[in-house]
Structures are given as C-alpha cells and as structure tokens.
C-alpha cells in the first residue's frame, strides 16, 4: 500500500529541520566564544 503524499512531505520536512538543528549545534561548538557568551547570559538569569 502506498503512503499518502502528506506523510512523505512531513517526513522530509522533519528530516530537514533535524539536519538544520544538528548543523547549528556543530556551528556553535566550533565557536567557543559564542558558547561562553550564551552560558554567561543564561547564568545571569539566575
């Protein structure tokens, strides 16, 4: 039985969002000064 096209597009969209999120995490880890700034801003909230 064939899957409806809506589920295929939803799965592709989910995969794209997941890939962009993972690329963003890698980008942040390559810039330690950005991570330090984010952690200091988060710590300032407390």
Foldseek 3Di string as FASTA:
>chain_A
DDDDVVVVVVVVVVVVVVVVVVVVVVVCVVPVVNVVVVVVVVVVVD
